[in-house]
N, C-alpha and C. Protein backbone atom coordinates (compact mmCIF):
# COMPACT_ATOMS: atom_id res chain seq x y z
N MET A 1 24.94 51.14 77.69
CA MET A 1 24.26 50.25 78.61
C MET A 1 22.80 50.68 78.71
N LYS A 2 21.93 49.68 78.69
CA LYS A 2 20.50 49.94 78.81
C LYS A 2 20.17 50.45 80.22
N PRO A 3 19.05 51.17 80.33
CA PRO A 3 18.65 51.60 81.69
C PRO A 3 18.25 50.40 82.53
N LEU A 4 18.35 50.56 83.82
CA LEU A 4 17.93 49.51 84.75
C LEU A 4 16.42 49.39 84.69
N ARG A 5 15.93 48.18 84.42
CA ARG A 5 14.49 47.93 84.40
C ARG A 5 14.06 47.47 85.78
N ILE A 6 13.10 48.17 86.34
CA ILE A 6 12.50 47.77 87.61
C ILE A 6 11.06 47.41 87.32
N LEU A 7 10.74 46.17 87.57
CA LEU A 7 9.37 45.70 87.42
C LEU A 7 8.72 45.76 88.79
N LEU A 8 7.74 46.61 88.93
CA LEU A 8 7.05 46.82 90.19
C LEU A 8 5.73 46.05 90.15
N LEU A 9 5.66 44.99 90.92
CA LEU A 9 4.46 44.17 90.99
C LEU A 9 3.72 44.55 92.26
N SER A 10 2.64 45.30 92.07
CA SER A 10 1.89 45.83 93.22
C SER A 10 0.48 46.18 92.78
N THR A 11 -0.46 46.06 93.71
CA THR A 11 -1.83 46.47 93.41
C THR A 11 -2.00 47.96 93.67
N ARG A 12 -1.02 48.59 94.29
CA ARG A 12 -1.05 50.03 94.56
C ARG A 12 0.34 50.62 94.30
N ALA A 13 0.71 50.67 93.05
CA ALA A 13 2.08 50.99 92.65
C ALA A 13 2.42 52.47 92.60
N ALA A 14 1.46 53.35 92.57
CA ALA A 14 1.72 54.77 92.30
C ALA A 14 2.71 55.40 93.27
N ALA A 15 2.51 55.23 94.57
CA ALA A 15 3.38 55.86 95.56
C ALA A 15 4.78 55.29 95.51
N LEU A 16 4.88 53.99 95.41
CA LEU A 16 6.19 53.35 95.35
C LEU A 16 6.91 53.71 94.06
N ARG A 17 6.19 53.76 92.97
CA ARG A 17 6.79 54.12 91.68
C ARG A 17 7.43 55.50 91.75
N ALA A 18 6.74 56.45 92.35
CA ALA A 18 7.27 57.81 92.45
C ALA A 18 8.58 57.85 93.21
N SER A 19 8.71 57.02 94.24
CA SER A 19 9.95 57.03 95.03
C SER A 19 11.10 56.32 94.31
N LEU A 20 10.80 55.51 93.30
CA LEU A 20 11.84 54.76 92.59
C LEU A 20 12.31 55.44 91.31
N GLU A 21 11.50 56.36 90.77
CA GLU A 21 11.85 56.97 89.49
C GLU A 21 13.07 57.88 89.63
N ARG A 22 14.01 57.70 88.70
CA ARG A 22 15.15 58.58 88.56
C ARG A 22 15.82 58.25 87.24
N ALA A 23 16.77 59.07 86.85
CA ALA A 23 17.44 58.89 85.57
C ALA A 23 18.13 57.53 85.53
N GLY A 24 18.11 56.91 84.37
CA GLY A 24 18.76 55.62 84.20
C GLY A 24 17.93 54.44 84.64
N ARG A 25 16.65 54.68 84.91
CA ARG A 25 15.75 53.60 85.32
C ARG A 25 14.51 53.59 84.45
N GLU A 26 14.05 52.42 84.17
CA GLU A 26 12.79 52.23 83.46
C GLU A 26 11.87 51.47 84.42
N ILE A 27 10.80 52.10 84.85
CA ILE A 27 9.87 51.48 85.80
C ILE A 27 8.69 50.91 85.01
N VAL A 28 8.44 49.63 85.19
CA VAL A 28 7.32 48.96 84.56
C VAL A 28 6.44 48.43 85.68
N CYS A 29 5.14 48.65 85.58
CA CYS A 29 4.21 48.23 86.64
C CYS A 29 3.35 47.07 86.17
N ALA A 30 3.07 46.18 87.10
CA ALA A 30 2.16 45.07 86.86
C ALA A 30 1.37 44.87 88.14
N SER A 31 0.12 44.41 88.00
CA SER A 31 -0.69 44.21 89.19
C SER A 31 -0.95 42.73 89.48
N THR A 32 -0.57 41.85 88.54
CA THR A 32 -0.73 40.41 88.76
C THR A 32 0.55 39.69 88.37
N ALA A 33 0.68 38.47 88.84
CA ALA A 33 1.86 37.66 88.51
C ALA A 33 1.93 37.38 87.00
N ASP A 34 0.77 37.18 86.37
CA ASP A 34 0.75 36.92 84.93
C ASP A 34 1.23 38.14 84.14
N GLU A 35 0.82 39.34 84.55
CA GLU A 35 1.31 40.57 83.90
C GLU A 35 2.83 40.70 84.09
N ALA A 36 3.29 40.40 85.30
CA ALA A 36 4.72 40.48 85.58
C ALA A 36 5.49 39.49 84.73
N LEU A 37 4.97 38.29 84.58
CA LEU A 37 5.63 37.28 83.76
C LEU A 37 5.72 37.73 82.31
N ALA A 38 4.65 38.33 81.80
CA ALA A 38 4.66 38.85 80.42
C ALA A 38 5.72 39.93 80.27
N CYS A 39 5.86 40.79 81.27
CA CYS A 39 6.89 41.85 81.23
C CYS A 39 8.29 41.25 81.26
N LEU A 40 8.49 40.22 82.07
CA LEU A 40 9.79 39.57 82.15
C LEU A 40 10.15 38.88 80.85
N GLU A 41 9.17 38.30 80.18
CA GLU A 41 9.44 37.63 78.91
C GLU A 41 9.81 38.64 77.84
N ALA A 42 9.31 39.86 77.95
CA ALA A 42 9.63 40.91 76.98
C ALA A 42 11.07 41.39 77.14
N GLY A 43 11.63 41.29 78.31
CA GLY A 43 12.99 41.70 78.58
C GLY A 43 13.41 41.19 79.94
N ALA A 44 14.23 40.15 79.98
CA ALA A 44 14.47 39.40 81.21
C ALA A 44 15.37 40.10 82.22
N ASP A 45 16.25 40.97 81.81
CA ASP A 45 17.18 41.56 82.77
C ASP A 45 16.50 42.69 83.52
N ALA A 46 16.01 42.34 84.71
CA ALA A 46 15.23 43.31 85.48
C ALA A 46 15.42 43.06 86.96
N LEU A 47 15.01 44.04 87.71
CA LEU A 47 14.92 43.92 89.15
C LEU A 47 13.43 43.93 89.46
N VAL A 48 12.94 42.87 90.05
CA VAL A 48 11.51 42.74 90.31
C VAL A 48 11.25 43.08 91.77
N LEU A 49 10.40 44.06 91.98
CA LEU A 49 10.02 44.50 93.31
C LEU A 49 8.57 44.10 93.52
N ILE A 50 8.35 43.16 94.46
CA ILE A 50 7.00 42.64 94.72
C ILE A 50 6.51 43.24 96.02
N GLU A 51 5.49 44.07 95.91
CA GLU A 51 4.88 44.65 97.11
C GLU A 51 3.70 43.77 97.48
N GLU A 52 3.88 43.05 98.55
CA GLU A 52 2.86 42.12 99.01
C GLU A 52 1.67 42.90 99.57
N ASP A 53 0.50 42.40 99.25
CA ASP A 53 -0.73 43.03 99.72
C ASP A 53 -1.52 41.95 100.46
N ALA A 54 -1.94 42.24 101.66
CA ALA A 54 -2.70 41.25 102.43
C ALA A 54 -3.92 40.80 101.63
N GLY A 55 -3.88 39.58 101.17
CA GLY A 55 -5.01 39.03 100.43
C GLY A 55 -4.85 39.08 98.93
N ALA A 56 -4.25 40.14 98.36
CA ALA A 56 -4.17 40.27 96.90
C ALA A 56 -2.93 39.58 96.32
N LEU A 57 -1.77 39.79 96.93
CA LEU A 57 -0.55 39.19 96.43
C LEU A 57 0.15 38.41 97.54
N ASP A 58 0.33 37.12 97.33
CA ASP A 58 1.08 36.29 98.27
C ASP A 58 2.52 36.25 97.76
N GLY A 59 3.41 36.98 98.43
CA GLY A 59 4.78 37.15 97.98
C GLY A 59 5.53 35.86 97.67
N PRO A 60 5.62 34.91 98.62
CA PRO A 60 6.35 33.68 98.33
C PRO A 60 5.78 32.91 97.14
N ALA A 61 4.46 32.86 97.02
CA ALA A 61 3.85 32.14 95.89
C ALA A 61 4.18 32.84 94.57
N VAL A 62 4.13 34.16 94.56
CA VAL A 62 4.47 34.92 93.35
C VAL A 62 5.94 34.72 93.00
N LEU A 63 6.81 34.78 94.00
CA LEU A 63 8.24 34.55 93.78
C LEU A 63 8.47 33.18 93.14
N ARG A 64 7.86 32.17 93.71
CA ARG A 64 8.01 30.81 93.20
C ARG A 64 7.55 30.72 91.75
N GLN A 65 6.40 31.31 91.45
CA GLN A 65 5.87 31.27 90.09
C GLN A 65 6.80 31.99 89.11
N LEU A 66 7.26 33.18 89.47
CA LEU A 66 8.13 33.94 88.57
C LEU A 66 9.47 33.25 88.37
N ARG A 67 10.05 32.72 89.44
CA ARG A 67 11.33 32.02 89.33
C ARG A 67 11.21 30.80 88.42
N GLU A 68 10.12 30.06 88.57
CA GLU A 68 9.95 28.84 87.77
C GLU A 68 9.66 29.14 86.31
N GLN A 69 8.87 30.17 86.05
CA GLN A 69 8.42 30.42 84.68
C GLN A 69 9.28 31.41 83.92
N ALA A 70 9.88 32.37 84.59
CA ALA A 70 10.68 33.38 83.88
C ALA A 70 12.03 32.81 83.46
N ARG A 71 12.63 31.99 84.28
CA ARG A 71 13.89 31.30 83.98
C ARG A 71 15.00 32.23 83.50
N SER A 72 15.20 33.32 84.19
CA SER A 72 16.29 34.23 83.85
C SER A 72 17.23 34.36 85.04
N ALA A 73 18.49 34.07 84.80
CA ALA A 73 19.48 34.18 85.87
C ALA A 73 19.81 35.63 86.17
N ASP A 74 19.43 36.54 85.28
CA ASP A 74 19.77 37.95 85.46
C ASP A 74 18.72 38.74 86.21
N THR A 75 17.65 38.12 86.62
CA THR A 75 16.59 38.83 87.33
C THR A 75 16.79 38.71 88.82
N LEU A 76 16.69 39.84 89.51
CA LEU A 76 16.76 39.86 90.97
C LEU A 76 15.38 40.18 91.52
N TYR A 77 15.03 39.55 92.64
CA TYR A 77 13.70 39.69 93.22
C TYR A 77 13.78 40.24 94.64
N VAL A 78 12.97 41.28 94.91
CA VAL A 78 12.87 41.88 96.23
C VAL A 78 11.42 41.80 96.66
N LEU A 79 11.20 41.29 97.87
CA LEU A 79 9.85 41.21 98.41
C LEU A 79 9.67 42.27 99.49
N LEU A 80 8.65 43.08 99.31
CA LEU A 80 8.22 44.01 100.35
C LEU A 80 7.06 43.31 101.04
N ALA A 81 7.35 42.63 102.13
CA ALA A 81 6.40 41.74 102.77
C ALA A 81 5.40 42.49 103.64
N ALA A 82 4.16 42.04 103.62
CA ALA A 82 3.11 42.64 104.44
C ALA A 82 3.21 42.15 105.87
N SER A 83 3.98 41.09 106.09
CA SER A 83 4.10 40.52 107.43
C SER A 83 5.58 40.38 107.79
N ALA A 84 5.89 40.70 109.04
CA ALA A 84 7.25 40.53 109.53
C ALA A 84 7.43 39.16 110.18
N ASP A 85 6.47 38.28 110.01
CA ASP A 85 6.54 36.94 110.56
C ASP A 85 7.78 36.23 110.01
N PRO A 86 8.69 35.76 110.87
CA PRO A 86 9.92 35.11 110.40
C PRO A 86 9.67 33.93 109.48
N GLU A 87 8.63 33.14 109.74
CA GLU A 87 8.33 31.99 108.88
C GLU A 87 7.96 32.45 107.47
N HIS A 88 7.19 33.52 107.40
CA HIS A 88 6.79 34.07 106.10
C HIS A 88 8.01 34.58 105.32
N LEU A 89 8.87 35.31 106.01
CA LEU A 89 10.09 35.84 105.36
C LEU A 89 11.02 34.70 104.95
N LEU A 90 11.16 33.70 105.80
CA LEU A 90 11.99 32.55 105.47
C LEU A 90 11.45 31.83 104.24
N GLN A 91 10.15 31.72 104.14
CA GLN A 91 9.55 31.08 102.96
C GLN A 91 9.86 31.90 101.70
N ALA A 92 9.82 33.21 101.83
CA ALA A 92 10.15 34.07 100.68
C ALA A 92 11.59 33.84 100.24
N TRP A 93 12.52 33.74 101.20
CA TRP A 93 13.92 33.46 100.86
C TRP A 93 14.04 32.10 100.18
N ARG A 94 13.34 31.12 100.71
CA ARG A 94 13.38 29.77 100.11
C ARG A 94 12.81 29.77 98.69
N ASP A 95 11.83 30.63 98.45
CA ASP A 95 11.19 30.67 97.14
C ASP A 95 11.91 31.57 96.14
N GLY A 96 13.04 32.13 96.53
CA GLY A 96 13.87 32.82 95.55
C GLY A 96 14.05 34.31 95.73
N ALA A 97 13.67 34.87 96.86
CA ALA A 97 13.88 36.31 97.06
C ALA A 97 15.38 36.59 97.19
N ASP A 98 15.84 37.65 96.55
CA ASP A 98 17.22 38.10 96.72
C ASP A 98 17.32 39.06 97.90
N ASP A 99 16.18 39.64 98.29
CA ASP A 99 16.12 40.51 99.46
C ASP A 99 14.67 40.58 99.91
N CYS A 100 14.47 40.79 101.21
CA CYS A 100 13.13 40.93 101.78
C CYS A 100 13.12 42.09 102.76
N LEU A 101 12.08 42.87 102.70
CA LEU A 101 11.85 43.92 103.69
C LEU A 101 10.41 43.74 104.18
N ALA A 102 10.22 43.93 105.49
CA ALA A 102 8.88 43.74 106.06
C ALA A 102 8.32 45.07 106.53
N LEU A 103 6.98 45.16 106.50
CA LEU A 103 6.31 46.35 107.00
C LEU A 103 6.55 46.49 108.50
N PRO A 104 6.63 47.65 109.01
CA PRO A 104 6.70 48.92 108.28
C PRO A 104 8.13 49.14 107.78
N PHE A 105 8.26 49.58 106.54
CA PHE A 105 9.60 49.84 106.02
C PHE A 105 9.72 51.30 105.65
N ASP A 106 10.91 51.81 105.86
CA ASP A 106 11.24 53.19 105.57
C ASP A 106 11.49 53.31 104.06
N PRO A 107 10.86 54.25 103.36
CA PRO A 107 11.07 54.39 101.92
C PRO A 107 12.55 54.62 101.56
N ARG A 108 13.29 55.24 102.47
CA ARG A 108 14.73 55.45 102.20
C ARG A 108 15.48 54.13 102.19
N LEU A 109 15.07 53.21 103.08
CA LEU A 109 15.69 51.90 103.12
C LEU A 109 15.38 51.13 101.83
N VAL A 110 14.14 51.20 101.39
CA VAL A 110 13.77 50.55 100.13
C VAL A 110 14.58 51.13 98.99
N ALA A 111 14.67 52.46 98.91
CA ALA A 111 15.42 53.11 97.83
C ALA A 111 16.89 52.69 97.87
N ASN A 112 17.47 52.60 99.07
CA ASN A 112 18.88 52.20 99.19
C ASN A 112 19.08 50.76 98.76
N ARG A 113 18.19 49.87 99.17
CA ARG A 113 18.30 48.46 98.78
C ARG A 113 18.17 48.31 97.27
N ILE A 114 17.21 49.03 96.69
CA ILE A 114 17.01 48.97 95.23
C ILE A 114 18.25 49.50 94.52
N GLU A 115 18.82 50.57 95.04
CA GLU A 115 20.03 51.13 94.44
C GLU A 115 21.16 50.10 94.44
N ARG A 116 21.37 49.45 95.57
CA ARG A 116 22.43 48.44 95.67
C ARG A 116 22.19 47.25 94.76
N LEU A 117 20.98 46.73 94.77
CA LEU A 117 20.67 45.59 93.91
C LEU A 117 20.73 45.98 92.44
N GLY A 118 20.33 47.21 92.13
CA GLY A 118 20.45 47.70 90.76
C GLY A 118 21.90 47.74 90.31
N GLU A 119 22.78 48.21 91.17
CA GLU A 119 24.21 48.21 90.86
C GLU A 119 24.72 46.79 90.65
N THR A 120 24.28 45.88 91.50
CA THR A 120 24.68 44.47 91.37
C THR A 120 24.23 43.91 90.03
N LEU A 121 22.99 44.18 89.66
CA LEU A 121 22.46 43.69 88.40
C LEU A 121 23.21 44.28 87.22
N LEU A 122 23.43 45.60 87.23
CA LEU A 122 24.16 46.23 86.13
C LEU A 122 25.58 45.72 86.03
N ASN A 123 26.24 45.51 87.17
CA ASN A 123 27.60 44.97 87.15
C ASN A 123 27.61 43.55 86.61
N ARG A 124 26.60 42.76 86.96
CA ARG A 124 26.50 41.40 86.43
C ARG A 124 26.34 41.43 84.91
N LEU A 125 25.50 42.35 84.41
CA LEU A 125 25.29 42.45 82.96
C LEU A 125 26.56 42.93 82.26
N ARG A 126 27.27 43.91 82.86
CA ARG A 126 28.53 44.37 82.28
C ARG A 126 29.55 43.23 82.24
N LEU A 127 29.61 42.45 83.30
CA LEU A 127 30.53 41.32 83.36
C LEU A 127 30.20 40.29 82.28
N ARG A 128 28.91 40.03 82.11
CA ARG A 128 28.51 39.08 81.07
C ARG A 128 28.90 39.59 79.67
N GLU A 129 28.71 40.91 79.42
CA GLU A 129 29.10 41.49 78.14
C GLU A 129 30.61 41.38 77.94
N ARG A 130 31.38 41.66 78.99
CA ARG A 130 32.85 41.59 78.90
C ARG A 130 33.30 40.16 78.65
N CYS A 131 32.66 39.19 79.31
CA CYS A 131 32.99 37.78 79.08
C CYS A 131 32.71 37.39 77.63
N ALA A 132 31.61 37.88 77.09
CA ALA A 132 31.29 37.59 75.69
C ALA A 132 32.35 38.19 74.76
N GLU A 133 32.80 39.41 75.06
CA GLU A 133 33.86 40.02 74.26
C GLU A 133 35.14 39.21 74.34
N LEU A 134 35.50 38.77 75.53
CA LEU A 134 36.73 37.99 75.70
C LEU A 134 36.63 36.62 75.03
N GLU A 135 35.46 36.00 75.10
CA GLU A 135 35.27 34.71 74.40
C GLU A 135 35.41 34.90 72.90
N HIS A 136 34.89 36.00 72.38
CA HIS A 136 35.03 36.30 70.95
C HIS A 136 36.50 36.50 70.59
N ALA A 137 37.21 37.26 71.41
CA ALA A 137 38.65 37.48 71.16
C ALA A 137 39.43 36.18 71.23
N LEU A 138 39.09 35.31 72.16
CA LEU A 138 39.76 34.01 72.28
C LEU A 138 39.50 33.15 71.06
N ARG A 139 38.26 33.13 70.57
CA ARG A 139 37.96 32.38 69.35
C ARG A 139 38.75 32.92 68.17
N ASN A 140 38.87 34.24 68.08
CA ASN A 140 39.65 34.83 66.99
C ASN A 140 41.12 34.48 67.10
N SER A 141 41.68 34.48 68.31
CA SER A 141 43.10 34.14 68.46
C SER A 141 43.33 32.66 68.14
N ASP A 142 42.39 31.80 68.52
CA ASP A 142 42.50 30.38 68.17
C ASP A 142 42.45 30.19 66.66
N LEU A 143 41.58 30.92 66.00
CA LEU A 143 41.48 30.84 64.55
C LEU A 143 42.77 31.34 63.90
N LEU A 144 43.32 32.44 64.41
CA LEU A 144 44.57 32.97 63.88
C LEU A 144 45.70 31.96 64.05
N ALA A 145 45.79 31.31 65.20
CA ALA A 145 46.83 30.32 65.44
C ALA A 145 46.68 29.13 64.49
N ALA A 146 45.44 28.71 64.27
CA ALA A 146 45.20 27.59 63.36
C ALA A 146 45.58 27.96 61.92
N VAL A 147 45.22 29.16 61.49
CA VAL A 147 45.55 29.60 60.12
C VAL A 147 47.06 29.74 59.97
N LEU A 148 47.71 30.35 60.94
CA LEU A 148 49.17 30.51 60.86
C LEU A 148 49.87 29.16 60.87
N GLY A 149 49.40 28.25 61.72
CA GLY A 149 49.99 26.92 61.76
C GLY A 149 49.86 26.22 60.42
N HIS A 150 48.71 26.33 59.81
CA HIS A 150 48.50 25.71 58.51
C HIS A 150 49.35 26.37 57.43
N ASP A 151 49.37 27.70 57.43
CA ASP A 151 50.10 28.42 56.40
C ASP A 151 51.61 28.27 56.53
N LEU A 152 52.10 28.03 57.73
CA LEU A 152 53.54 27.89 57.92
C LEU A 152 54.02 26.45 57.76
N ARG A 153 53.12 25.49 57.86
CA ARG A 153 53.50 24.08 57.79
C ARG A 153 54.18 23.74 56.46
N ASN A 154 53.62 24.13 55.32
CA ASN A 154 54.21 23.80 54.01
C ASN A 154 55.57 24.46 53.79
N PRO A 155 55.72 25.77 54.02
CA PRO A 155 57.06 26.35 53.85
C PRO A 155 58.09 25.75 54.80
N LEU A 156 57.70 25.46 56.02
CA LEU A 156 58.64 24.87 56.97
C LEU A 156 59.03 23.46 56.55
N ALA A 157 58.09 22.72 56.00
CA ALA A 157 58.40 21.37 55.50
C ALA A 157 59.39 21.46 54.35
N ALA A 158 59.20 22.42 53.45
CA ALA A 158 60.14 22.60 52.33
C ALA A 158 61.52 22.99 52.84
N ILE A 159 61.58 23.86 53.84
CA ILE A 159 62.86 24.28 54.41
C ILE A 159 63.55 23.09 55.07
N ALA A 160 62.79 22.29 55.83
CA ALA A 160 63.36 21.12 56.49
C ALA A 160 63.89 20.12 55.48
N THR A 161 63.15 19.91 54.38
CA THR A 161 63.60 18.99 53.33
C THR A 161 64.87 19.51 52.68
N GLY A 162 64.89 20.81 52.38
CA GLY A 162 66.09 21.42 51.77
C GLY A 162 67.28 21.32 52.71
N ALA A 163 67.09 21.54 53.99
CA ALA A 163 68.18 21.45 54.97
C ALA A 163 68.70 20.02 55.05
N GLU A 164 67.81 19.05 55.00
CA GLU A 164 68.22 17.65 55.03
C GLU A 164 69.03 17.30 53.79
N LEU A 165 68.62 17.79 52.63
CA LEU A 165 69.36 17.53 51.39
C LEU A 165 70.74 18.18 51.44
N LEU A 166 70.80 19.40 51.97
CA LEU A 166 72.10 20.06 52.11
C LEU A 166 73.01 19.28 53.07
N ARG A 167 72.47 18.83 54.15
CA ARG A 167 73.27 18.08 55.11
C ARG A 167 73.79 16.80 54.48
N ARG A 168 72.98 16.11 53.74
CA ARG A 168 73.42 14.86 53.08
C ARG A 168 74.48 15.12 52.01
N SER A 169 74.31 16.23 51.30
CA SER A 169 75.28 16.49 50.21
C SER A 169 76.62 16.92 50.76
N GLN A 170 76.71 17.40 51.98
CA GLN A 170 77.97 17.82 52.54
C GLN A 170 78.66 16.72 53.33
N ASP A 171 77.96 15.69 53.70
CA ASP A 171 78.53 14.60 54.47
C ASP A 171 78.92 13.48 53.53
N PRO A 172 80.23 13.20 53.38
CA PRO A 172 80.67 12.16 52.43
C PRO A 172 80.26 10.75 52.84
N THR A 173 79.96 10.54 54.08
CA THR A 173 79.57 9.18 54.50
C THR A 173 78.13 8.85 54.16
N VAL A 174 77.34 9.88 53.83
CA VAL A 174 75.94 9.66 53.49
C VAL A 174 75.86 9.09 52.08
N VAL A 175 75.24 7.99 51.93
CA VAL A 175 75.06 7.35 50.63
C VAL A 175 73.69 7.73 50.12
N GLU A 176 73.71 8.20 48.88
CA GLU A 176 72.43 8.60 48.29
C GLU A 176 71.81 7.50 47.52
C-alpha cells in the first residue's frame, strides 16, 4: 500500500507540516489553489488540508475550486478555518469539506482528525482494490463457466443422441 499523501495547502506550512510528518505519510505542500490542483492531478488519492489565511486563502472558495476541477472521489478535504463564524463553516461544508476546524485549534486535535481521516481514506482505497480483485475473479469464473458449458455441450449432445438410439432399439413399439 502506498503511503498516505497529505496535501497541505497553506501560505505558512512549515509548522503544520512538522506536526503532521510521521512514517507512512507523504507530505506535499502548496501555497495556492493552482499548485494544489497540479499536485492532485499528479496523484489523486490524497487528504487535502487547507489552512485558511485571512486574506490569502478563502477556504470555501478553494474547496469549491478543488472539488470541481480535481474530480476525484478518493480525495478528502479538511479546512482549518481562520474564522469560527458558523456561516463561514457552513459554507465550507456546503462547498465540499469533509471536516472543518476553526481557530484556535489544538494541534493534537488536528493530528487526531488527520489520523482518522487518513485511516478512512486508506480503508476506502483498500476496499476499492479488493473490489477490483473480486470483479476480476468474477469475470474469470464467468469465463470458466462459459468455456465449460461450450466444451461440454457437444459430448453431452452425443451422449443424449446415443441414449435416444439405445432407447429406441430396445423398445419394440418404436418404428424406425
